[in-house]
C-alpha atoms as a PDB file:
ATOM      1  CA  MET A   1    -113.652  53.255-183.209  1.00  0.00           C
ATOM      2  CA  GLU A   2    -112.678  56.400-180.996  1.00  0.00           C
ATOM      3  CA  TRP A   3    -115.074  58.543-178.980  1.00  0.00           C
ATOM      4  CA  LEU A   4    -115.097  62.139-177.668  1.00  0.00           C
ATOM      5  CA  GLU A   5    -116.262  62.118-174.176  1.00  0.00           C
ATOM      6  CA  VAL A   6    -118.116  65.302-173.094  1.00  0.00           C
ATOM      7  CA  SER A   7    -118.725  65.941-169.335  1.00  0.00           C
ATOM      8  CA  VAL A   8    -120.337  68.896-168.129  1.00  0.00           C
ATOM      9  CA  THR A   9    -120.421  69.399-164.104  1.00  0.00           C
ATOM     10  CA  VAL A  10    -123.945  71.219-163.454  1.00  0.00           C
ATOM     11  CA  GLU A  11    -125.964  71.527-160.088  1.00  0.00           C
ATOM     12  CA  ASN A  12    -128.997  68.672-159.791  1.00  0.00           C
ATOM     13  CA  GLU A  13    -131.477  71.218-161.219  1.00  0.00           C
ATOM     14  CA  ALA A  14    -129.741  72.114-164.537  1.00  0.00           C
ATOM     15  CA  ALA A  15    -128.982  68.395-165.015  1.00  0.00           C
ATOM     16  CA  GLU A  16    -131.676  67.536-166.831  1.00  0.00           C
ATOM     17  CA  ALA A  17    -131.673  70.543-169.222  1.00  0.00           C
ATOM     18  CA  VAL A  18    -127.886  69.905-170.023  1.00  0.00           C
ATOM     19  CA  ALA A  19    -128.778  66.129-170.688  1.00  0.00           C
ATOM     20  CA  GLU A  20    -131.331  67.341-173.613  1.00  0.00           C
ATOM     21  CA  VAL A  21    -128.894  69.600-175.117  1.00  0.00           C
ATOM     22  CA  LEU A  22    -126.653  66.999-174.983  1.00  0.00           C
ATOM     23  CA  SER A  23    -128.981  64.289-176.344  1.00  0.00           C
ATOM     24  CA  ARG A  24    -129.110  66.345-179.669  1.00  0.00           C
ATOM     25  CA  TYR A  25    -125.922  65.144-180.870  1.00  0.00           C
ATOM     26  CA  ALA A  26    -124.640  62.114-178.701  1.00  0.00           C
ATOM     27  CA  TYR A  27    -127.165  59.379-179.913  1.00  0.00           C
ATOM     28  CA  HIS A  28    -125.742  57.109-178.018  1.00  0.00           C
ATOM     29  CA  GLY A  29    -127.562  58.495-175.119  1.00  0.00           C
ATOM     30  CA  VAL A  30    -126.485  60.646-172.085  1.00  0.00           C
ATOM     31  CA  ALA A  31    -125.631  59.709-168.597  1.00  0.00           C
ATOM     32  CA  ILE A  32    -126.285  61.705-165.395  1.00  0.00           C
ATOM     33  CA  GLU A  33    -123.774  60.864-162.462  1.00  0.00           C
ATOM     34  CA  ALA A  34    -124.044  61.727-158.662  1.00  0.00           C
ATOM     35  CA  GLY A  35    -120.825  62.720-156.889  1.00  0.00           C
ATOM     36  CA  PRO A  36    -119.566  61.031-153.693  1.00  0.00           C
ATOM     37  CA  ARG A  37    -122.308  62.079-151.332  1.00  0.00           C
ATOM     38  CA  GLY A  38    -125.237  61.177-153.666  1.00  0.00           C
ATOM     39  CA  TRP A  39    -127.887  62.944-155.848  1.00  0.00           C
ATOM     40  CA  ASP A  40    -128.705  65.093-153.081  1.00  0.00           C
ATOM     41  CA  SER A  41    -125.405  66.913-153.037  1.00  0.00           C
ATOM     42  CA  ASP A  42    -124.087  69.367-155.883  1.00  0.00           C
ATOM     43  CA  PRO A  43    -122.572  69.029-158.288  1.00  0.00           C
ATOM     44  CA  VAL A  44    -123.373  66.477-160.705  1.00  0.00           C
ATOM     45  CA  VAL A  45    -121.771  65.204-164.009  1.00  0.00           C
ATOM     46  CA  VAL A  46    -123.473  64.885-167.014  1.00  0.00           C
ATOM     47  CA  ARG A  47    -121.590  62.830-169.756  1.00  0.00           C
ATOM     48  CA  ALA A  48    -122.423  62.031-173.787  1.00  0.00           C
ATOM     49  CA  TYR A  49    -120.364  60.355-176.644  1.00  0.00           C
ATOM     50  CA  LEU A  50    -119.932  61.550-179.858  1.00  0.00           C
ATOM     51  CA  PRO A  51    -118.797  59.257-182.580  1.00  0.00           C
ATOM     52  CA  ALA A  52    -115.318  60.662-184.139  1.00  0.00           C
ATOM     53  CA  ASP A  53    -116.672  61.099-187.464  1.00  0.00           C
ATOM     54  CA  ASP A  54    -116.575  64.113-189.868  1.00  0.00           C
ATOM     55  CA  GLN A  55    -119.349  65.923-187.954  1.00  0.00           C
ATOM     56  CA  LEU A  56    -117.185  65.946-184.642  1.00  0.00           C
ATOM     57  CA  GLN A  57    -116.227  69.487-184.998  1.00  0.00           C
ATOM     58  CA  THR A  58    -119.365  70.601-185.977  1.00  0.00           C
ATOM     59  CA  ASN A  59    -121.383  69.360-183.173  1.00  0.00           C
ATOM     60  CA  LYS A  60    -118.629  69.887-180.631  1.00  0.00           C
ATOM     61  CA  ARG A  61    -118.952  73.564-181.703  1.00  0.00           C
ATOM     62  CA  ARG A  62    -122.731  73.650-181.657  1.00  0.00           C
ATOM     63  CA  ILE A  63    -122.788  71.972-177.949  1.00  0.00           C
ATOM     64  CA  LYS A  64    -120.471  75.064-176.836  1.00  0.00           C
ATOM     65  CA  GLU A  65    -122.951  77.516-178.339  1.00  0.00           C
ATOM     66  CA  ASN A  66    -126.144  75.704-177.143  1.00  0.00           C
ATOM     67  CA  LEU A  67    -124.844  75.223-173.297  1.00  0.00           C
ATOM     68  CA  GLY A  68    -123.729  79.332-173.497  1.00  0.00           C
ATOM     69  CA  HIS A  69    -127.471  80.092-174.347  1.00  0.00           C
ATOM     70  CA  LEU A  70    -128.452  77.858-171.166  1.00  0.00           C
ATOM     71  CA  ASN A  71    -125.799  79.285-169.213  1.00  0.00           C
ATOM     72  CA  GLN A  72    -127.743  82.964-169.830  1.00  0.00           C
ATOM     73  CA  ILE A  73    -130.939  80.925-167.874  1.00  0.00           C
ATOM     74  CA  ARG A  74    -128.676  79.142-165.065  1.00  0.00           C
ATOM     75  CA  PRO A  75    -125.601  78.124-164.278  1.00  0.00           C
ATOM     76  CA  VAL A  76    -123.707  75.709-166.726  1.00  0.00           C
ATOM     77  CA  SER A  77    -120.004  74.708-166.514  1.00  0.00           C
ATOM     78  CA  VAL A  78    -118.019  74.934-169.722  1.00  0.00           C
ATOM     79  CA  PRO A  79    -117.979  71.289-171.300  1.00  0.00           C
ATOM     80  CA  THR A  80    -114.800  69.033-171.047  1.00  0.00           C
ATOM     81  CA  PHE A  81    -113.740  66.905-173.961  1.00  0.00           C
ATOM     82  CA  ARG A  82    -111.533  63.943-174.073  1.00  0.00           C
ATOM     83  CA  ARG A  83    -111.004  61.471-176.775  1.00  0.00           C
ATOM     84  CA  ILE A  84    -111.933  57.531-175.555  1.00  0.00           C
ATOM     85  CA  ALA A  85    -111.838  54.220-177.255  1.00  0.00           C
ATOM     86  CA  ASP A  86    -114.243  51.515-176.535  1.00  0.00           C
ATOM     87  CA  ALA A  87    -112.952  49.316-174.223  1.00  0.00           C
ATOM     88  CA  ASP A  88    -111.664  52.434-172.215  1.00  0.00           C
ATOM     89  CA  TRP A  89    -115.539  53.710-172.051  1.00  0.00           C
ATOM     90  CA  THR A  90    -116.273  50.366-170.950  1.00  0.00           C
ATOM     91  CA  GLU A  91    -113.665  49.976-168.660  1.00  0.00           C
ATOM     92  CA  SER A  92    -114.579  53.806-167.142  1.00  0.00           C
ATOM     93  CA  TRP A  93    -118.351  51.806-166.560  1.00  0.00           C
ATOM     94  CA  LYS A  94    -117.276  49.202-164.730  1.00  0.00           C
ATOM     95  CA  GLU A  95    -115.279  51.034-162.088  1.00  0.00           C
ATOM     96  CA  ARG A  96    -118.676  53.129-161.294  1.00  0.00           C
ATOM     97  CA  LEU A  97    -121.189  50.129-161.120  1.00  0.00           C
ATOM     98  CA  THR A  98    -121.768  48.195-158.231  1.00  0.00           C
ATOM     99  CA  VAL A  99    -124.426  45.637-157.077  1.00  0.00           C
ATOM    100  CA  LEU A 100    -127.550  47.561-156.052  1.00  0.00           C
ATOM    101  CA  HIS A 101    -130.888  46.927-153.890  1.00  0.00           C
ATOM    102  CA  ILE A 102    -133.830  48.607-155.036  1.00  0.00           C
ATOM    103  CA  GLY A 103    -137.388  48.238-153.644  1.00  0.00           C
ATOM    104  CA  GLN A 104    -138.368  45.383-151.629  1.00  0.00           C
ATOM    105  CA  HIS A 105    -136.590  42.760-153.829  1.00  0.00           C
ATOM    106  CA  ILE A 106    -135.078  43.892-156.731  1.00  0.00           C
ATOM    107  CA  VAL A 107    -131.394  43.732-157.198  1.00  0.00           C
ATOM    108  CA  ILE A 108    -128.939  45.034-159.845  1.00  0.00           C
ATOM    109  CA  ARG A 109    -126.173  43.184-160.769  1.00  0.00           C
ATOM    110  CA  PRO A 110    -123.619  44.213-163.129  1.00  0.00           C
ATOM    111  CA  SER A 111    -122.458  41.487-165.169  1.00  0.00           C
ATOM    112  CA  TRP A 112    -118.946  41.695-164.090  1.00  0.00           C
ATOM    113  CA  ARG A 113    -119.842  41.167-160.106  1.00  0.00           C
ATOM    114  CA  ASP A 114    -120.321  38.067-158.168  1.00  0.00           C
ATOM    115  CA  TYR A 115    -123.575  38.243-155.738  1.00  0.00           C
ATOM    116  CA  VAL A 116    -125.321  35.350-153.775  1.00  0.00           C
ATOM    117  CA  PRO A 117    -128.998  36.184-154.146  1.00  0.00           C
ATOM    118  CA  ALA A 118    -130.889  35.972-151.087  1.00  0.00           C
ATOM    119  CA  SER A 119    -134.229  34.046-150.735  1.00  0.00           C
ATOM    120  CA  GLY A 120    -137.086  36.430-152.757  1.00  0.00           C
ATOM    121  CA  ASP A 121    -134.436  38.509-154.573  1.00  0.00           C
ATOM    122  CA  VAL A 122    -135.421  39.435-158.566  1.00  0.00           C
ATOM    123  CA  VAL A 123    -131.962  39.832-159.756  1.00  0.00           C
ATOM    124  CA  ILE A 124    -131.131  41.715-162.849  1.00  0.00           C
ATOM    125  CA  GLN A 125    -127.819  40.854-164.302  1.00  0.00           C
ATOM    126  CA  LEU A 126    -126.770  44.105-166.397  1.00  0.00           C
ATOM    127  CA  ASP A 127    -124.224  44.836-169.064  1.00  0.00           C
ATOM    128  CA  PRO A 128    -125.453  48.937-169.872  1.00  0.00           C
ATOM    129  CA  GLY A 129    -123.156  48.904-172.685  1.00  0.00           C
ATOM    130  CA  MET A 130    -123.375  52.361-174.253  1.00  0.00           C
ATOM    131  CA  ALA A 131    -127.322  52.872-173.604  1.00  0.00           C
ATOM    132  CA  PHE A 132    -128.838  54.722-170.430  1.00  0.00           C
ATOM    133  CA  GLY A 133    -129.903  52.673-167.850  1.00  0.00           C
ATOM    134  CA  THR A 134    -127.608  51.668-165.125  1.00  0.00           C
ATOM    135  CA  GLY A 135    -130.053  51.488-162.216  1.00  0.00           C
ATOM    136  CA  LEU A 136    -127.630  54.543-160.567  1.00  0.00           C
ATOM    137  CA  HIS A 137    -129.950  57.253-161.662  1.00  0.00           C
ATOM    138  CA  PRO A 138    -132.959  58.155-159.460  1.00  0.00           C
ATOM    139  CA  THR A 139    -135.555  58.107-162.183  1.00  0.00           C
ATOM    140  CA  THR A 140    -135.062  54.341-163.181  1.00  0.00           C
ATOM    141  CA  GLN A 141    -134.990  53.847-159.293  1.00  0.00           C
ATOM    142  CA  MET A 142    -138.381  55.271-158.774  1.00  0.00           C
ATOM    143  CA  CYS A 143    -139.386  53.549-162.040  1.00  0.00           C
ATOM    144  CA  LEU A 144    -138.441  50.129-160.663  1.00  0.00           C
ATOM    145  CA  VAL A 145    -139.972  51.123-156.909  1.00  0.00           C
ATOM    146  CA  VAL A 146    -143.421  51.967-158.655  1.00  0.00           C
ATOM    147  CA  LEU A 147    -143.121  48.700-161.481  1.00  0.00           C
ATOM    148  CA  GLU A 148    -142.551  46.295-158.772  1.00  0.00           C
ATOM    149  CA  ALA A 149    -145.477  47.804-156.485  1.00  0.00           C
ATOM    150  CA  SER A 150    -147.893  47.955-159.931  1.00  0.00           C
ATOM    151  CA  MET A 151    -147.004  44.393-161.757  1.00  0.00           C
ATOM    152  CA  ARG A 152    -149.649  42.211-161.937  1.00  0.00           C
ATOM    153  CA  PRO A 153    -149.573  38.370-163.155  1.00  0.00           C
ATOM    154  CA  GLY A 154    -150.168  38.511-167.071  1.00  0.00           C
ATOM    155  CA  ALA A 155    -149.747  42.174-167.391  1.00  0.00           C
ATOM    156  CA  HIS A 156    -148.882  43.710-170.894  1.00  0.00           C
ATOM    157  CA  VAL A 157    -146.373  46.295-170.501  1.00  0.00           C
ATOM    158  CA  LEU A 158    -144.500  48.992-173.072  1.00  0.00           C
ATOM    159  CA  ASP A 159    -141.228  50.315-172.300  1.00  0.00           C
ATOM    160  CA  MET A 160    -140.594  53.110-174.468  1.00  0.00           C
ATOM    161  CA  GLY A 161    -136.843  54.364-174.740  1.00  0.00           C
ATOM    162  CA  THR A 162    -135.907  51.214-173.145  1.00  0.00           C
ATOM    163  CA  GLY A 163    -132.423  52.050-173.176  1.00  0.00           C
ATOM    164  CA  SER A 164    -129.890  49.131-171.467  1.00  0.00           C
ATOM    165  CA  GLY A 165    -133.703  47.524-171.175  1.00  0.00           C
ATOM    166  CA  ILE A 166    -133.406  47.406-167.407  1.00  0.00           C
ATOM    167  CA  LEU A 167    -137.194  48.324-166.475  1.00  0.00           C
ATOM    168  CA  ALA A 168    -138.161  45.832-169.529  1.00  0.00           C
ATOM    169  CA  ILE A 169    -136.305  42.798-167.868  1.00  0.00           C
ATOM    170  CA  ALA A 170    -137.575  44.102-164.470  1.00  0.00           C
ATOM    171  CA  ALA A 171    -140.756  44.079-165.652  1.00  0.00           C
ATOM    172  CA  ALA A 172    -140.916  40.126-167.174  1.00  0.00           C
ATOM    173  CA  LYS A 173    -138.734  39.053-163.990  1.00  0.00           C
ATOM    174  CA  LEU A 174    -141.878  40.811-161.789  1.00  0.00           C
ATOM    175  CA  GLY A 175    -144.409  38.891-163.786  1.00  0.00           C
ATOM    176  CA  ALA A 176    -145.241  40.429-167.142  1.00  0.00           C
ATOM    177  CA  GLU A 177    -146.363  37.728-169.691  1.00  0.00           C
ATOM    178  CA  ARG A 178    -145.273  40.270-172.557  1.00  0.00           C
ATOM    179  CA  VAL A 179    -143.176  43.219-172.746  1.00  0.00           C
ATOM    180  CA  LEU A 180    -142.116  45.188-175.724  1.00  0.00           C
ATOM    181  CA  ALA A 181    -139.078  47.429-175.380  1.00  0.00           C
ATOM    182  CA  VAL A 182    -138.852  50.191-177.564  1.00  0.00           C
ATOM    183  CA  ASP A 183    -135.652  52.428-178.624  1.00  0.00           C
ATOM    184  CA  ASN A 184    -134.645  54.566-181.682  1.00  0.00           C
ATOM    185  CA  ASP A 185    -131.209  54.150-180.914  1.00  0.00           C
ATOM    186  CA  PRO A 186    -130.018  51.466-183.030  1.00  0.00           C
ATOM    187  CA  VAL A 187    -126.697  50.722-179.969  1.00  0.00           C
ATOM    188  CA  ALA A 188    -129.676  50.697-177.484  1.00  0.00           C
ATOM    189  CA  ALA A 189    -131.901  48.582-179.194  1.00  0.00           C
ATOM    190  CA  LYS A 190    -128.773  45.931-179.488  1.00  0.00           C
ATOM    191  CA  THR A 191    -127.872  46.498-175.645  1.00  0.00           C
ATOM    192  CA  ALA A 192    -130.941  45.749-174.497  1.00  0.00           C
ATOM    193  CA  ARG A 193    -131.642  42.501-176.535  1.00  0.00           C
ATOM    194  CA  ASP A 194    -128.333  41.288-175.464  1.00  0.00           C
ATOM    195  CA  ASN A 195    -129.131  41.953-171.945  1.00  0.00           C
ATOM    196  CA  VAL A 196    -132.606  40.601-172.492  1.00  0.00           C
ATOM    197  CA  VAL A 197    -131.138  37.141-173.194  1.00  0.00           C
ATOM    198  CA  THR A 198    -128.437  37.242-170.601  1.00  0.00           C
ATOM    199  CA  ASN A 199    -131.339  37.250-167.910  1.00  0.00           C
ATOM    200  CA  GLY A 200    -133.290  34.710-170.057  1.00  0.00           C
ATOM    201  CA  VAL A 201    -136.286  36.696-170.686  1.00  0.00           C
ATOM    202  CA  SER A 202    -136.313  36.854-174.680  1.00  0.00           C
ATOM    203  CA  GLY A 203    -139.695  34.678-174.629  1.00  0.00           C
ATOM    204  CA  ILE A 204    -141.320  37.292-172.529  1.00  0.00           C
ATOM    205  CA  VAL A 205    -139.539  40.717-174.005  1.00  0.00           C
ATOM    206  CA  GLU A 206    -139.577  41.648-177.276  1.00  0.00           C
ATOM    207  CA  VAL A 207    -137.019  44.052-178.429  1.00  0.00           C
ATOM    208  CA  ALA A 208    -137.625  46.803-181.039  1.00  0.00           C
ATOM    209  CA  ARG A 209    -136.175  49.835-182.928  1.00  0.00           C
ATOM    210  CA  GLY A 210    -138.329  52.502-183.490  1.00  0.00           C
ATOM    211  CA  SER A 211    -140.566  55.313-182.190  1.00  0.00           C
ATOM    212  CA  LEU A 212    -144.183  55.579-180.779  1.00  0.00           C
ATOM    213  CA  ARG A 213    -145.748  55.302-184.395  1.00  0.00           C
ATOM    214  CA  GLU A 214    -144.385  51.815-184.624  1.00  0.00           C
ATOM    215  CA  VAL A 215    -146.429  50.853-181.624  1.00  0.00           C
ATOM    216  CA  SER A 216    -150.351  50.220-182.500  1.00  0.00           C
ATOM    217  CA  GLU A 217    -151.555  48.142-179.468  1.00  0.00           C
ATOM    218  CA  SER A 218    -152.667  49.278-176.247  1.00  0.00           C
ATOM    219  CA  HIS A 219    -150.662  48.001-173.001  1.00  0.00           C
ATOM    220  CA  ASP A 220    -151.730  47.456-168.847  1.00  0.00           C
ATOM    221  CA  LEU A 221    -148.206  49.232-167.892  1.00  0.00           C
ATOM    222  CA  VAL A 222    -146.472  52.040-169.878  1.00  0.00           C
ATOM    223  CA  VAL A 223    -143.294  53.007-168.432  1.00  0.00           C
ATOM    224  CA  VAL A 224    -141.422  55.943-169.928  1.00  0.00           C
ATOM    225  CA  ASN A 225    -138.337  57.164-168.499  1.00  0.00           C
ATOM    226  CA  ILE A 226    -137.087  60.043-170.705  1.00  0.00           C
ATOM    227  CA  LEU A 227    -137.046  64.195-170.582  1.00  0.00           C
ATOM    228  CA  ALA A 228    -139.759  65.516-169.489  1.00  0.00           C
ATOM    229  CA  LYS A 229    -139.933  67.389-173.187  1.00  0.00           C
ATOM    230  CA  ILE A 230    -140.039  64.092-175.060  1.00  0.00           C
ATOM    231  CA  ILE A 231    -143.226  62.701-172.390  1.00  0.00           C
ATOM    232  CA  VAL A 232    -145.080  65.613-173.157  1.00  0.00           C
ATOM    233  CA  GLU A 233    -144.381  65.312-176.905  1.00  0.00           C
ATOM    234  CA  MET A 234    -145.498  61.604-176.967  1.00  0.00           C
ATOM    235  CA  LEU A 235    -148.362  62.276-175.174  1.00  0.00           C
ATOM    236  CA  GLN A 236    -149.104  65.081-177.949  1.00  0.00           C
ATOM    237  CA  GLU A 237    -148.337  62.363-180.649  1.00  0.00           C
ATOM    238  CA  GLY A 238    -150.859  59.816-178.376  1.00  0.00           C
ATOM    239  CA  LEU A 239    -149.149  57.938-175.898  1.00  0.00           C
ATOM    240  CA  ALA A 240    -152.239  57.769-173.933  1.00  0.00           C
ATOM    241  CA  THR A 241    -153.881  55.487-176.327  1.00  0.00           C
ATOM    242  CA  ARG A 242    -151.358  52.836-175.691  1.00  0.00           C
ATOM    243  CA  VAL A 243    -152.532  52.958-172.289  1.00  0.00           C
ATOM    244  CA  ARG A 244    -155.569  50.215-171.749  1.00  0.00           C
ATOM    245  CA  SER A 245    -158.365  51.483-169.926  1.00  0.00           C
ATOM    246  CA  GLY A 246    -158.036  51.052-166.239  1.00  0.00           C
ATOM    247  CA  GLY A 247    -153.859  50.501-167.232  1.00  0.00           C
ATOM    248  CA  ARG A 248    -151.605  53.129-165.681  1.00  0.00           C
ATOM    249  CA  LEU A 249    -148.485  55.009-167.213  1.00  0.00           C
ATOM    250  CA  ILE A 250    -145.278  55.361-165.407  1.00  0.00           C
ATOM    251  CA  ALA A 251    -143.784  58.443-166.002  1.00  0.00           C
ATOM    252  CA  ALA A 252    -139.963  59.870-165.089  1.00  0.00           C
ATOM    253  CA  GLY A 253    -136.800  61.702-166.293  1.00  0.00           C
ATOM    254  CA  ILE A 254    -139.121  64.734-164.884  1.00  0.00           C
ATOM    255  CA  ILE A 255    -137.531  67.832-162.987  1.00  0.00           C
ATOM    256  CA  ILE A 256    -140.004  68.922-160.275  1.00  0.00           C
ATOM    257  CA  ASN A 257    -140.410  72.316-162.049  1.00  0.00           C
ATOM    258  CA  GLN A 258    -141.578  70.503-165.104  1.00  0.00           C
ATOM    259  CA  GLU A 259    -144.196  68.561-163.192  1.00  0.00           C
ATOM    260  CA  PRO A 260    -147.264  70.867-164.010  1.00  0.00           C
ATOM    261  CA  GLU A 261    -146.708  70.635-167.526  1.00  0.00           C
ATOM    262  CA  VAL A 262    -146.125  67.137-167.634  1.00  0.00           C
ATOM    263  CA  VAL A 263    -149.443  66.935-165.400  1.00  0.00           C
ATOM    264  CA  GLU A 264    -151.420  68.928-167.524  1.00  0.00           C
ATOM    265  CA  ALA A 265    -150.410  67.047-170.790  1.00  0.00           C
ATOM    266  CA  MET A 266    -151.414  63.556-169.162  1.00  0.00           C
ATOM    267  CA  GLU A 267    -154.992  65.375-168.167  1.00  0.00           C
ATOM    268  CA  GLN A 268    -155.455  66.570-171.453  1.00  0.00           C
ATOM    269  CA  GLN A 269    -155.081  62.992-173.233  1.00  0.00           C
ATOM    270  CA  GLY A 270    -157.364  61.553-170.485  1.00  0.00           C
ATOM    271  CA  LEU A 271    -154.933  60.344-167.862  1.00  0.00           C
ATOM    272  CA  ALA A 272    -156.054  61.250-164.161  1.00  0.00           C
ATOM    273  CA  LEU A 273    -152.900  61.177-161.603  1.00  0.00           C
ATOM    274  CA  VAL A 274    -152.989  58.237-159.182  1.00  0.00           C
ATOM    275  CA  ARG A 275    -149.547  58.202-157.544  1.00  0.00           C
ATOM    276  CA  ARG A 276    -146.641  60.148-157.553  1.00  0.00           C
ATOM    277  CA  ILE A 277    -142.851  59.980-155.672  1.00  0.00           C
ATOM    278  CA  GLN A 278    -140.077  62.057-156.159  1.00  0.00           C
ATOM    279  CA  ARG A 279    -136.163  61.770-154.767  1.00  0.00           C
ATOM    280  CA  GLU A 280    -134.191  64.929-154.685  1.00  0.00           C
ATOM    281  CA  ASP A 281    -135.370  67.002-157.396  1.00  0.00           C
ATOM    282  CA  TRP A 282    -136.566  64.223-159.664  1.00  0.00           C
ATOM    283  CA  VAL A 283    -140.794  63.500-159.803  1.00  0.00           C
ATOM    284  CA  CYS A 284    -142.056  60.228-161.346  1.00  0.00           C
ATOM    285  CA  LEU A 285    -145.562  60.252-162.051  1.00  0.00           C
ATOM    286  CA  VAL A 286    -148.215  57.723-162.414  1.00  0.00           C
ATOM    287  CA  ALA A 287    -151.390  58.327-163.933  1.00  0.00           C
ATOM    288  CA  GLU A 288    -154.619  55.994-164.977  1.00  0.00           C
ATOM    289  CA  ARG A 289    -156.585  55.935-168.050  1.00  0.00           C
ATOM    290  CA  ASN A 290    -160.374  56.166-167.242  1.00  0.00           C
END
């Protein structure tokens, strides 16, 4: 199957807004990539992949129109398009991903890279496939740092919008007793399941395709690394009730100017902010349910 790669080069602050536009049409995920000098240097590139089906031309037109509207608010470059095969897409990811050290002990090892673990390393072998969650983005890295600091043996964890499964796998390897990883994208769900098996945590992590409505039980830790708009919507739909009394919600994917909106939504649902970390223009918020 062929895909159409959509690339938009933008300033860091506009990246999430562009990602939100592309996510409406690229149901296989959106990736935000730093430039050679890192996340604190502009520009960044937002990429998405559209299936080359009978809706392709309509989706291209809508993307151009929506980005044009966004450009009236903040500068957004014209999107570029190129056709790409599955194999080419995979190879392009492989070139960009290397072994990453995050937090005190977490190591993200792409499945095609060699690595000899040091004592105490928590190694996650990852093949992101066509799903968000490579460990490159600051939001993912902040979630991993908070997970490492927050995890208690025997904890029950919910990972909403699991993508590649990276956060769910990390939770399992950090000592969680049970992890439920949920994503409404069938490709992401399959990718997460494959990564869960590869990392030997299928006895701990359950991957389910679905949405918040399919999650009925509450958890000690809930992780949501999506877009700020979706986090607010989830909170309005009852996300806080999936956090046990005394439990915590870890929310990321939030641009700094969207932080007040998310904090307000948390407080309206009985969650109290207990920690905040920031990398460049991205914020990760930790809230506790009283």
